[in-house]
Amino acid sequence: MAARNDDLRDALKRAASALRAAGPDFALAGSYALWVFGGPEPVHDVDFVVAEPDTEKAAATLEEAGFRVERTPEDWLFKACVEDDFVIDVLHRLNGVPVDKEKVLAAEEHDVMAIRMRVLPPTEVLTEKLNSLNEHHCDFAALLPGVRAVREQLDWDHIREATADNPFAAAFLMLADRLELTG
């Protein structure tokens, strides 16, 4: 597993360095954002967010940095590949909502593997993860380690309000309550 993490870390650093040098503004998201705040290190991919109008500039920047850009059938992201692995997901919509420049710029800067970058806060990351749950994708076991690790940094009231319309999120929050993760 260490080799995969080394590859992901290298891809994260290369992509962040390229985006910092040539733009556009971006923020680290997903499980790697939770990792910055103490969550377990991901082993599958790295997520960045960019403002929707900056999507093509981000793709061009990463291509120039040696990544192969893969357009997916989903219209809310593209993948930047190193060799044969898809390792960087660049999202410009989160759960159907276009990412705007303000969301990216509102993320606080952190040093991530010696590179300064914006990182979405844990409450926002978990809210997006919970709102993405549905009958086709509902893996509570994958969420629990990260939630357990950052639970004291989460605004549980905000999460409940922002996910109130998603019954899968409500079920996860009930489980988190029963496991005494929420307070």
Protein backbone atom coordinates (compact mmCIF):
# COMPACT_ATOMS: atom_id res chain seq x y z
CA MET A 1 0.00 0.00 0.00
CA ALA A 2 2.90 2.38 0.60
CA ALA A 3 3.77 2.47 -3.12
CA ARG A 4 0.21 3.56 -4.01
CA ASN A 5 0.31 6.32 -1.39
CA ASP A 6 3.72 7.44 -2.69
CA ASP A 7 2.26 7.63 -6.20
CA LEU A 8 -0.78 9.56 -4.97
CA ARG A 9 1.36 11.94 -2.95
CA ASP A 10 3.60 12.55 -5.94
CA ALA A 11 0.58 13.19 -8.17
CA LEU A 12 -0.95 15.53 -5.59
CA LYS A 13 2.27 17.52 -5.28
CA ARG A 14 2.83 17.68 -9.06
CA ALA A 15 -0.73 18.79 -9.76
CA ALA A 16 -0.81 21.34 -6.93
CA SER A 17 2.55 22.77 -7.98
CA ALA A 18 1.40 23.12 -11.59
CA LEU A 19 -1.88 24.76 -10.61
CA ARG A 20 -0.12 27.11 -8.18
CA ALA A 21 2.36 28.13 -10.89
CA ALA A 22 -0.03 28.56 -13.83
CA GLY A 23 -3.51 28.68 -12.30
CA PRO A 24 -6.37 28.54 -11.90
CA ASP A 25 -7.17 28.85 -8.20
CA PHE A 26 -8.01 25.47 -6.69
CA ALA A 27 -8.66 23.76 -3.37
CA LEU A 28 -7.87 20.27 -2.12
CA ALA A 29 -11.10 18.38 -1.46
CA GLY A 30 -12.38 14.91 -0.65
CA SER A 31 -10.57 12.41 1.52
CA TYR A 32 -7.19 14.10 1.13
CA ALA A 33 -8.73 17.28 2.56
CA LEU A 34 -9.90 15.23 5.57
CA TRP A 35 -6.36 13.79 5.79
CA VAL A 36 -4.97 17.32 6.21
CA PHE A 37 -7.17 17.63 9.31
CA GLY A 38 -6.22 14.23 10.75
CA GLY A 39 -8.21 11.69 8.74
CA PRO A 40 -6.74 8.49 7.29
CA GLU A 41 -4.69 8.85 4.13
CA PRO A 42 -6.64 7.93 0.99
CA VAL A 43 -5.43 5.18 -1.31
CA HIS A 44 -7.64 5.67 -4.38
CA ASP A 45 -7.45 9.22 -5.72
CA VAL A 46 -6.91 12.90 -5.06
CA ASP A 47 -9.72 15.44 -5.43
CA PHE A 48 -9.32 19.10 -6.30
CA VAL A 49 -12.07 21.63 -6.91
CA VAL A 50 -11.90 24.56 -9.31
CA ALA A 51 -14.48 27.16 -10.19
CA GLU A 52 -16.61 25.93 -13.08
CA PRO A 53 -15.45 28.71 -15.46
CA ASP A 54 -11.84 27.64 -14.76
CA THR A 55 -12.29 24.00 -15.80
CA GLU A 56 -10.56 24.26 -19.19
CA LYS A 57 -7.68 26.30 -17.81
CA ALA A 58 -7.13 23.64 -15.11
CA ALA A 59 -7.15 20.88 -17.74
CA ALA A 60 -4.67 22.75 -19.93
CA THR A 61 -2.40 23.46 -16.96
CA LEU A 62 -2.32 19.81 -15.93
CA GLU A 63 -1.74 18.63 -19.51
CA GLU A 64 1.18 21.04 -19.76
CA ALA A 65 2.54 19.52 -16.52
CA GLY A 66 2.57 16.05 -18.08
CA PHE A 67 -0.80 14.66 -16.96
CA ARG A 68 -3.09 12.94 -19.45
CA VAL A 69 -6.52 14.53 -19.17
CA GLU A 70 -9.41 12.10 -19.41
CA ARG A 71 -12.90 13.49 -20.07
CA THR A 72 -15.49 11.38 -18.32
CA PRO A 73 -19.17 10.80 -19.16
CA GLU A 74 -19.96 12.65 -15.94
CA ASP A 75 -20.08 16.35 -16.72
CA TRP A 76 -18.95 17.55 -13.31
CA LEU A 77 -15.29 16.54 -13.36
CA PHE A 78 -12.31 15.48 -15.42
CA LYS A 79 -9.49 13.13 -14.49
CA ALA A 80 -5.81 13.92 -14.73
CA CYS A 81 -3.85 10.70 -15.15
CA VAL A 82 -0.30 9.71 -14.41
CA GLU A 83 0.74 6.72 -16.50
CA ASP A 84 -2.25 4.33 -16.52
CA ASP A 85 -3.78 5.36 -13.21
CA PHE A 86 -6.55 7.89 -12.74
CA VAL A 87 -5.27 9.71 -9.71
CA ILE A 88 -6.47 13.32 -9.80
CA ASP A 89 -10.18 14.14 -10.02
CA VAL A 90 -10.77 17.81 -10.76
CA LEU A 91 -14.34 18.69 -9.86
CA HIS A 92 -16.14 21.83 -10.99
CA ARG A 93 -19.57 20.86 -9.63
CA LEU A 94 -20.33 19.36 -6.23
CA ASN A 95 -23.55 17.37 -6.08
CA GLY A 96 -24.90 19.22 -9.10
CA VAL A 97 -24.02 22.70 -7.84
CA PRO A 98 -21.40 24.62 -9.85
CA VAL A 99 -18.31 25.51 -7.87
CA ASP A 100 -17.75 29.26 -7.87
CA LYS A 101 -14.58 31.23 -7.33
CA GLU A 102 -15.78 32.36 -3.88
CA LYS A 103 -16.01 28.77 -2.62
CA VAL A 104 -12.47 28.07 -3.76
CA LEU A 105 -11.06 31.29 -2.35
CA ALA A 106 -12.88 30.84 0.98
CA ALA A 107 -10.92 27.65 1.73
CA GLU A 108 -8.06 28.25 4.16
CA GLU A 109 -4.49 27.72 3.07
CA HIS A 110 -2.46 24.90 4.63
CA ASP A 111 0.94 23.39 4.03
CA VAL A 112 0.28 20.01 2.44
CA MET A 113 3.43 17.98 1.87
CA ALA A 114 5.43 21.23 1.82
CA ILE A 115 3.15 22.90 -0.73
CA ARG A 116 0.89 25.75 0.30
CA MET A 117 -2.65 25.23 -0.97
CA ARG A 118 -6.26 25.88 -0.09
CA VAL A 119 -8.07 22.98 1.57
CA LEU A 120 -11.84 22.64 1.90
CA PRO A 121 -12.82 22.46 5.59
CA PRO A 122 -13.90 19.11 7.07
CA THR A 123 -17.52 20.20 7.57
CA GLU A 124 -17.83 21.07 3.89
CA VAL A 125 -16.12 17.86 2.76
CA LEU A 126 -18.37 15.67 4.91
CA THR A 127 -21.48 17.57 3.83
CA GLU A 128 -20.62 16.93 0.18
CA LYS A 129 -19.81 13.28 0.85
CA LEU A 130 -23.11 12.75 2.69
CA ASN A 131 -25.13 14.55 0.02
CA SER A 132 -23.61 12.26 -2.61
CA LEU A 133 -24.99 9.14 -0.91
CA ASN A 134 -27.80 7.42 -2.79
CA GLU A 135 -29.22 3.97 -3.47
CA HIS A 136 -26.34 3.21 -5.85
CA HIS A 137 -23.56 4.46 -3.60
CA CYS A 138 -24.03 4.20 0.16
CA ASP A 139 -20.82 2.99 1.80
CA PHE A 140 -20.92 4.04 5.43
CA ALA A 141 -17.86 1.92 6.24
CA ALA A 142 -15.71 4.08 3.96
CA LEU A 143 -16.93 7.27 5.70
CA LEU A 144 -16.54 6.17 9.31
CA PRO A 145 -12.72 6.29 9.70
CA GLY A 146 -12.47 9.84 8.38
CA VAL A 147 -15.45 11.04 10.41
CA ARG A 148 -14.10 9.42 13.56
CA ALA A 149 -10.74 11.14 13.04
CA VAL A 150 -12.09 14.67 12.46
CA ARG A 151 -15.32 14.50 14.48
CA GLU A 152 -14.33 17.26 16.91
CA GLN A 153 -13.67 19.65 14.01
CA LEU A 154 -17.10 19.16 12.44
CA ASP A 155 -20.05 21.52 12.75
CA TRP A 156 -22.69 18.83 13.26
CA ASP A 157 -25.62 21.29 13.27
CA HIS A 158 -24.56 22.65 9.89
CA ILE A 159 -24.09 19.12 8.51
CA ARG A 160 -27.58 18.07 9.68
CA GLU A 161 -29.17 21.15 8.14
CA ALA A 162 -27.26 20.89 4.85
CA THR A 163 -28.06 17.18 4.41
CA ALA A 164 -31.63 17.19 5.76
CA ASP A 165 -33.17 16.28 2.38
CA ASN A 166 -31.01 13.18 1.90
CA PRO A 167 -32.37 10.08 3.68
CA PHE A 168 -29.05 8.26 3.26
CA ALA A 169 -27.24 11.11 5.01
CA ALA A 170 -29.87 11.02 7.78
CA ALA A 171 -29.23 7.30 8.24
CA PHE A 172 -25.48 7.91 8.45
CA LEU A 173 -25.99 10.69 11.00
CA MET A 174 -28.19 8.39 13.10
CA LEU A 175 -25.38 5.82 13.03
CA ALA A 176 -22.82 8.50 13.93
CA ASP A 177 -25.04 9.53 16.87
CA ARG A 178 -25.36 5.93 18.06
CA LEU A 179 -21.58 5.50 17.80
CA GLU A 180 -21.18 8.70 19.85
CA LEU A 181 -19.19 10.46 17.12
CA THR A 182 -21.36 13.58 17.05
CA GLY A 183 -20.87 14.94 20.46
